[in-house]
């Protein structure tokens, strides 16, 4: 079973590809209907962790760019003095 989380009608759902079936049989399964499914819970946890890490990396890159700009300004000021 292949699962990909996303929003469907404003609710968390998973696009599920059933084992042994092709993409024409894919369907969105509402998370609340599958709350007792351990496999979906694991998938949701992995997805949330990956998303969190991606956002943290983006924040770190933005901070590094701000630091680079600040360092460049400091060097420019030092040259003027």
Protein backbone atom coordinates (compact mmCIF):
# COMPACT_ATOMS: atom_id res chain seq x y z
CA UNK A 1 0.00 0.00 0.00
CA UNK A 2 1.44 3.36 -1.05
CA UNK A 3 0.27 6.33 0.99
CA UNK A 4 0.71 10.06 0.46
CA UNK A 5 -0.81 12.48 2.98
CA UNK A 6 -2.59 15.62 1.92
CA UNK A 7 -5.70 17.70 2.43
CA UNK A 8 -8.93 16.58 0.84
CA UNK A 9 -12.01 18.75 1.38
CA UNK A 10 -10.16 20.49 4.21
CA UNK A 11 -9.45 17.25 6.08
CA UNK A 12 -6.29 15.19 6.38
CA UNK A 13 -6.45 12.24 4.04
CA UNK A 14 -4.12 9.76 2.36
CA UNK A 15 -3.95 8.94 -1.32
CA UNK A 16 -3.75 5.17 -1.12
CA UNK A 17 -2.50 2.83 -3.82
CA UNK A 18 -3.62 -0.65 -2.94
CA UNK A 19 -1.09 -3.45 -3.31
CA UNK A 20 -1.62 -5.36 -6.53
CA UNK A 21 -3.72 -2.59 -8.13
CA UNK A 22 -2.79 0.17 -10.55
CA UNK A 23 -3.14 3.95 -10.23
CA UNK A 24 -6.67 3.83 -11.61
CA UNK A 25 -7.71 2.26 -8.29
CA UNK A 26 -6.03 4.92 -6.10
CA UNK A 27 -8.39 6.53 -3.63
CA UNK A 28 -8.35 9.16 -0.92
CA UNK A 29 -8.90 7.68 2.53
CA UNK A 30 -9.90 10.05 5.35
CA UNK A 31 -7.47 9.87 8.26
CA UNK A 32 -10.25 9.95 10.82
CA UNK A 33 -11.76 6.84 9.27
CA UNK A 34 -8.43 5.04 9.65
CA UNK A 35 -7.31 6.23 13.10
CA UNK A 36 -6.64 2.68 14.26
CA UNK A 37 -4.35 1.83 11.33
CA UNK A 38 -0.77 1.68 12.61
CA UNK A 39 0.72 1.84 9.12
CA UNK A 40 -1.06 5.12 8.33
CA UNK A 41 -0.04 6.54 11.72
CA UNK A 42 3.61 5.72 10.93
CA UNK A 43 3.29 7.33 7.52
CA UNK A 44 1.77 10.47 9.05
CA UNK A 45 4.57 10.68 11.61
CA UNK A 46 7.26 10.29 8.93
CA UNK A 47 5.57 12.90 6.72
CA UNK A 48 5.26 15.40 9.60
CA UNK A 49 8.89 14.86 10.62
CA UNK A 50 10.11 15.34 7.04
CA UNK A 51 8.05 18.51 6.69
CA UNK A 52 9.32 19.84 10.03
CA UNK A 53 12.93 19.19 9.02
CA UNK A 54 12.39 20.88 5.65
CA UNK A 55 10.97 23.96 7.38
CA UNK A 56 13.83 24.02 9.88
CA UNK A 57 16.38 23.79 7.05
CA UNK A 58 14.66 26.68 5.27
CA UNK A 59 14.77 28.75 8.47
CA UNK A 60 18.47 27.98 8.92
CA UNK A 61 19.23 28.96 5.31
CA UNK A 62 17.34 32.24 5.76
CA UNK A 63 19.27 32.95 8.97
CA UNK A 64 22.56 32.21 7.22
CA UNK A 65 21.63 34.64 4.41
CA UNK A 66 20.84 37.32 7.00
CA UNK A 67 24.20 36.67 8.67
CA UNK A 68 25.99 36.90 5.30
CA UNK A 69 24.34 40.24 4.55
CA UNK A 70 25.19 41.52 8.02
CA UNK A 71 28.83 40.37 7.64
CA UNK A 72 29.08 42.09 4.25
CA UNK A 73 27.75 45.33 5.76
CA UNK A 74 30.25 45.10 8.62
CA UNK A 75 33.15 44.57 6.20
CA UNK A 76 32.01 47.49 4.07
CA UNK A 77 31.83 49.74 7.14
CA UNK A 78 35.26 48.59 8.30
CA UNK A 79 36.76 49.48 4.92
CA UNK A 80 35.23 52.97 5.09
CA UNK A 81 36.64 53.61 8.57
